[in-house]
Each structure stands twice: as C-alpha cells, then as structure tokens.
Protein backbone atom coordinates (compact mmCIF):
# COMPACT_ATOMS: atom_id res chain seq x y z
CA MET A 1 -35.96 23.22 21.63
CA SER A 2 -36.84 26.61 23.11
CA THR A 3 -34.33 26.12 25.91
CA ILE A 4 -31.54 25.36 23.44
CA LEU A 5 -32.43 28.40 21.34
CA LEU A 6 -32.44 30.62 24.43
CA LEU A 7 -29.05 29.22 25.42
CA MET A 8 -27.71 29.89 21.92
CA ALA A 9 -29.03 33.45 22.06
CA CYS A 10 -27.35 34.11 25.41
CA PHE A 11 -24.07 32.68 24.12
CA ALA A 12 -24.38 34.82 20.98
CA VAL A 13 -24.80 37.99 23.06
CA LEU A 14 -21.82 37.03 25.23
CA LYS A 15 -19.75 36.35 22.11
CA ALA A 16 -20.70 39.77 20.74
CA ILE A 17 -19.56 41.42 23.98
CA LEU A 18 -16.22 39.62 23.76
CA ALA A 19 -15.92 40.55 20.08
CA THR A 20 -16.58 44.24 20.79
CA SER A 21 -13.71 44.17 23.27
CA LEU A 22 -11.45 43.48 20.26
CA LEU A 23 -12.58 46.56 18.33
CA PRO A 24 -9.92 49.20 17.61
CA GLY A 25 -11.39 51.95 19.82
CA ASN A 26 -14.19 53.00 22.13
CA ARG A 27 -16.10 54.78 19.37
CA GLU A 28 -16.71 51.48 17.61
CA ARG A 29 -17.94 49.90 20.85
CA VAL A 30 -20.35 52.77 21.49
CA ALA A 31 -21.55 52.58 17.88
CA TRP A 32 -22.31 48.86 18.24
CA GLY A 33 -24.12 49.49 21.52
CA VAL A 34 -26.26 52.20 19.91
CA ALA A 35 -26.96 49.91 16.95
CA CYS A 36 -28.15 47.12 19.27
CA ALA A 37 -30.38 49.50 21.23
CA ALA A 38 -31.83 50.94 18.00
CA PHE A 39 -32.48 47.42 16.69
CA VAL A 40 -34.40 46.46 19.82
CA ALA A 41 -36.48 49.64 19.59
CA ALA A 42 -37.16 49.09 15.87
CA CYS A 43 -38.34 45.52 16.47
CA HIS A 44 -40.90 46.57 19.10
CA SER A 45 -43.92 46.46 16.80
CA PHE A 46 -42.83 43.18 15.19
CA VAL A 47 -42.38 41.44 18.54
CA ILE A 48 -45.80 42.67 19.72
CA GLY A 49 -47.44 41.25 16.59
CA SER A 50 -45.92 37.80 17.16
CA SER A 51 -47.18 35.16 19.56
CA LYS A 52 -45.27 32.70 21.69
CA VAL A 53 -46.91 29.69 20.05
CA GLY A 54 -46.23 31.08 16.58
CA VAL A 55 -42.57 31.77 17.33
CA GLU A 56 -42.02 28.34 18.89
CA ARG A 57 -43.82 26.64 16.02
CA ALA A 58 -41.83 28.54 13.41
CA LEU A 59 -38.52 27.69 15.07
CA SER A 60 -39.34 24.06 15.80
CA GLY A 61 -39.24 22.90 12.16
CA VAL A 62 -36.18 21.39 10.54
CA ASP A 63 -36.16 24.11 7.86
CA ALA A 64 -35.95 26.79 10.55
CA THR A 65 -33.05 25.01 12.25
CA MET A 66 -31.25 24.83 8.90
CA ASP A 67 -31.78 28.58 8.45
CA VAL A 68 -30.41 29.18 11.94
CA SER A 69 -27.36 27.06 11.08
CA ALA A 70 -26.84 29.12 7.92
CA VAL A 71 -26.97 32.39 9.88
CA VAL A 72 -24.53 30.97 12.44
CA MET A 73 -22.20 29.94 9.60
CA VAL A 74 -22.30 33.46 8.10
CA ASP A 75 -21.56 34.93 11.53
CA LEU A 76 -18.64 32.54 11.96
CA LEU A 77 -17.20 33.56 8.59
CA LEU A 78 -17.54 37.24 9.51
CA LEU A 79 -15.79 36.54 12.80
CA CYS A 80 -12.93 34.83 10.94
CA ALA A 81 -12.59 37.87 8.67
CA PHE A 82 -12.74 40.14 11.73
CA CYS A 83 -9.95 38.25 13.50
CA ARG A 84 -7.91 38.12 10.29
CA SER A 85 -8.20 41.88 9.82
CA LEU A 86 -7.10 42.47 13.40
CA SER A 87 -4.09 40.17 13.16
CA THR A 88 -2.82 41.76 9.91
CA ARG A 89 -2.58 45.47 10.50
CA ASN A 90 -0.72 46.13 7.24
CA GLN A 91 -3.72 45.15 5.12
CA LYS A 92 -5.11 48.01 3.05
CA GLY A 93 -8.42 48.43 1.26
CA TRP A 94 -12.01 49.21 2.15
CA SER A 95 -12.94 45.53 2.64
CA TRP A 96 -10.39 45.06 5.42
CA LYS A 97 -11.41 48.34 7.06
CA ILE A 98 -15.04 47.21 7.11
CA ALA A 99 -14.16 43.71 8.35
CA ARG A 100 -12.16 45.22 11.20
CA ARG A 101 -15.32 46.95 12.50
CA VAL A 102 -17.91 44.17 11.96
CA PRO A 103 -17.47 41.47 14.62
CA GLY A 104 -20.64 39.59 13.64
CA VAL A 105 -24.37 39.74 12.94
CA LEU A 106 -25.69 36.90 15.09
CA ILE A 107 -26.41 39.28 17.95
CA PHE A 108 -29.38 40.82 16.12
CA PRO A 109 -31.51 37.64 15.79
CA ALA A 110 -30.39 36.72 19.33
CA LEU A 111 -31.65 40.07 20.65
CA TYR A 112 -34.94 39.58 18.79
CA TYR A 113 -35.49 36.13 20.29
CA ILE A 114 -34.65 37.28 23.82
CA HIS A 115 -36.99 40.24 23.27
CA SER A 116 -39.88 37.93 22.44
CA ARG A 117 -39.15 35.73 25.45
CA LEU A 118 -39.14 38.77 27.74
CA PHE A 119 -42.57 39.87 26.48
CA PHE A 120 -44.09 36.51 27.35
CA GLY A 121 -42.03 36.05 30.52
CA LEU A 122 -43.10 39.40 32.06
CA PRO A 123 -46.90 39.46 31.66
CA GLY A 124 -47.53 42.16 34.27
CA VAL A 125 -45.22 44.78 32.71
CA GLY A 126 -46.13 47.04 29.80
CA PHE A 127 -44.67 46.31 26.39
CA ALA A 128 -43.14 49.77 26.00
CA THR A 129 -41.50 49.51 29.43
CA VAL A 130 -39.98 46.13 28.61
CA THR A 131 -38.67 47.39 25.27
CA GLY A 132 -37.21 50.55 26.79
CA TRP A 133 -35.38 48.81 29.60
CA TYR A 134 -34.27 45.98 27.34
CA ALA A 135 -32.91 48.38 24.71
CA ALA A 136 -31.00 50.34 27.35
CA CYS A 137 -29.57 47.19 28.95
CA ALA A 138 -28.62 45.66 25.58
CA GLY A 139 -26.84 48.81 24.43
CA ALA A 140 -25.04 49.25 27.75
CA CYS A 141 -23.97 45.60 27.91
CA VAL A 142 -22.55 45.61 24.39
CA ALA A 143 -20.79 48.98 24.69
CA CYS A 144 -19.64 48.94 28.31
CA GLY A 145 -19.19 45.17 28.43
CA GLY A 146 -16.61 45.27 25.68
CA TRP A 147 -14.73 48.05 27.45
CA MET A 148 -14.80 46.18 30.77
CA VAL A 149 -13.59 42.93 29.19
CA ALA A 150 -10.74 44.83 27.51
CA ARG A 151 -9.76 46.27 30.92
CA TRP A 152 -10.00 42.94 32.74
CA LEU A 153 -8.20 40.95 30.02
CA PRO A 154 -5.52 43.16 28.52
CA SER A 155 -4.15 40.29 26.45
CA ARG A 156 -5.76 40.33 23.01
CA GLU A 157 -4.83 36.69 22.41
CA SER A 158 -6.86 35.57 25.44
CA ARG A 159 -9.89 37.50 24.24
CA LEU A 160 -9.49 36.05 20.75
CA GLU A 161 -9.40 32.53 22.16
CA LEU A 162 -12.51 33.07 24.30
CA THR A 163 -14.39 34.59 21.36
CA ALA A 164 -13.41 31.71 19.08
CA LEU A 165 -14.45 29.13 21.69
CA LEU A 166 -17.86 30.75 22.16
CA ALA A 167 -18.36 30.98 18.38
CA ALA A 168 -17.47 27.29 18.03
CA LEU A 169 -19.87 26.41 20.87
CA VAL A 170 -22.74 28.31 19.21
CA PHE A 171 -21.97 26.65 15.89
CA ALA A 172 -21.89 23.20 17.54
CA LEU A 173 -25.27 23.83 19.18
CA ALA A 174 -26.76 24.92 15.85
CA VAL A 175 -25.42 21.83 14.09
CA CYS A 176 -26.70 19.55 16.85
CA CYS A 177 -30.16 21.15 16.64
CA THR A 178 -30.22 20.45 12.90
CA VAL A 179 -28.71 16.97 12.88
CA PHE A 180 -30.57 15.59 15.91
CA HIS A 181 -33.91 17.14 14.99
CA PRO A 182 -36.69 14.50 15.03
CA ALA A 183 -37.84 15.47 11.53
CA ALA A 184 -34.30 15.14 10.15
CA SER A 185 -33.89 11.47 11.05
CA VAL A 186 -33.46 9.10 8.12
CA ARG A 187 -35.57 5.96 8.17
CA GLY A 188 -34.34 3.00 6.19
CA GLY A 189 -36.31 0.40 4.29
CA GLY A 190 -36.12 1.80 0.78
CA GLY A 191 -33.37 -0.47 -0.42
CA GLU A 192 -31.96 2.10 -2.87
CA ALA A 193 -28.82 1.21 -4.81
CA THR A 194 -25.57 2.99 -4.01
CA GLU A 195 -24.28 5.29 -6.73
CA TRP A 196 -20.74 4.00 -6.88
CA ARG A 197 -19.81 6.19 -9.84
CA SER A 198 -20.68 9.42 -8.05
CA LEU A 199 -18.94 8.17 -4.92
CA GLY A 200 -15.80 7.42 -6.92
CA VAL A 201 -15.82 10.83 -8.60
CA ALA A 202 -16.21 12.57 -5.23
CA ALA A 203 -13.38 10.51 -3.73
CA ALA A 204 -11.16 11.23 -6.75
CA VAL A 205 -11.79 14.98 -6.56
CA THR A 206 -11.14 15.01 -2.81
CA GLY A 207 -7.94 13.02 -3.20
CA SER A 208 -6.73 15.24 -6.05
CA VAL A 209 -7.30 18.40 -4.01
CA PHE A 210 -5.52 16.83 -1.03
CA LEU A 211 -2.53 15.77 -3.12
CA ALA A 212 -2.38 19.19 -4.80
CA GLY A 213 -2.32 20.88 -1.40
CA CYS A 214 0.45 18.58 -0.19
CA ALA A 215 2.44 19.24 -3.37
CA VAL A 216 2.09 23.00 -3.00
CA GLY A 217 3.21 22.81 0.64
CA LEU A 218 6.25 20.70 -0.22
CA ALA A 219 7.14 23.01 -3.10
CA ARG A 220 6.96 26.08 -0.86
CA ARG A 221 9.19 24.42 1.74
CA TYR A 222 11.70 23.38 -0.90
CA LEU A 223 11.83 26.87 -2.43
CA SER A 224 12.17 28.52 0.99
CA ARG A 225 15.05 26.21 1.94
CA ARG A 226 16.73 26.76 -1.41
CA GLY A 227 16.36 30.53 -1.05
CA SER A 228 17.84 30.48 2.45
CA ARG A 229 20.79 28.40 1.25
CA PHE A 230 21.34 30.79 -1.65
CA LYS A 231 21.38 33.77 0.73
CA THR A 232 23.85 32.12 3.12
CA LYS A 233 26.14 31.13 0.24
CA TYR A 234 26.25 34.53 -1.42
C-alpha cells in the first residue's frame, strides 16, 4: 500500500508540473512554486511529530483510502474547471479568473507524504536540512518545471492531453486502492432479499434522464438545422 501511495504522490507532483505549464504567465508559475516551498516549510513540525508506523497505519485503512479518493475527485474537478477556463477565454467573472490560476490541490498532500518518506528514508541527515533542501527542490521543480515543459512542448493541446492522462491515472489508482482494499471486500452468506422496488425506481430515473438528454440533443439539432435553412432561404 505504501508503494502505491508513493507512486500516486509522484504522479500527482508530475501532474502539477504539467498543469503549471498551462498557466497564463510566469508569475503564476513562480507563485505556485513559492506556495509549494512555503507549504513544505510549514509542515516541518507536523512531519517531525508523526511516525512512519503511525502514517502507514492511518493510510492503510479503508476509510483513509476513501478520503484519498475524495481528495483526488476534488482535484480532478478543479482540473476540469481549470482546463475549461483556459479553453474559453471570453468567460468573465471572478470564478473563472480564479479557476484559471488554480490547477489543482492534490500536490499539497502529495508533498506532505513525500516529506514524511524522506524523513524516514534519510536517517543520517538532520530534519532541518531535509526540509530546507526538499522545500527548495519542490519550489524549483514546480516553478521551473512548468516553464521548461512549456518550452519543450509549445502545443497547449499536447500538454492538456498529458495532464488529463496523468489525472486519470491518479484517479484510477485511487479507485483501485479503495475497491481492491482487503477490508472493502464483500463476503456473502447473509441471504438478504433484493429490493426490487428501489432498483426499479433507480432504473426509471436513470432512463428518464437518459431519454431527456437524448430529446434535448435532438431538439437542438432540429432547431439548428431549421435556423440554417431559414438563413439560406432569406
């Protein structure tokens, strides 16, 4: 489980670097790098107070994996809003301006987890030294990494695709950790009756929403065709 979490954290940091390459300017990239370095420095005392066994035990439960999946889902939604705000430049309002500068929040718990692993993986180095070098490297990687990716891949569409693929990979890993957790397995033998009424209501609601969506799509196509014919005629 610890290996999967470390892999998810590394992918989350890489996704954040790709997402910062999509920011409007270099000031936003530097601001995100400074924010990451400040976060690592602020978490120094909390990481010292934790233990490796306590962290692994806290993250090994099924409730913790569900919380991780929820955080990954929130980060994925923020990434969708970020990409949407970048693709529609004519959008106005403070919400779109904020979404255009917030590529995600998953990097902060990922930095915290990597920070704790570095403390226990480098026993001969002082805690302050590890935190200082780690904060500097994290800030430089996020700020300069985004600028370097933007220089190496000038096409924004390619960077968007890579960012979306990494976000989907992190989300898939989080879902797999939750679904295939040993404590989340369902053991039969109860012989409980199936609630057919609830199942029918759920199927009816799903079918109604699906049919309504199809009807709206057909109506929009019909109106667009009728409008185009009206314009060509007159």
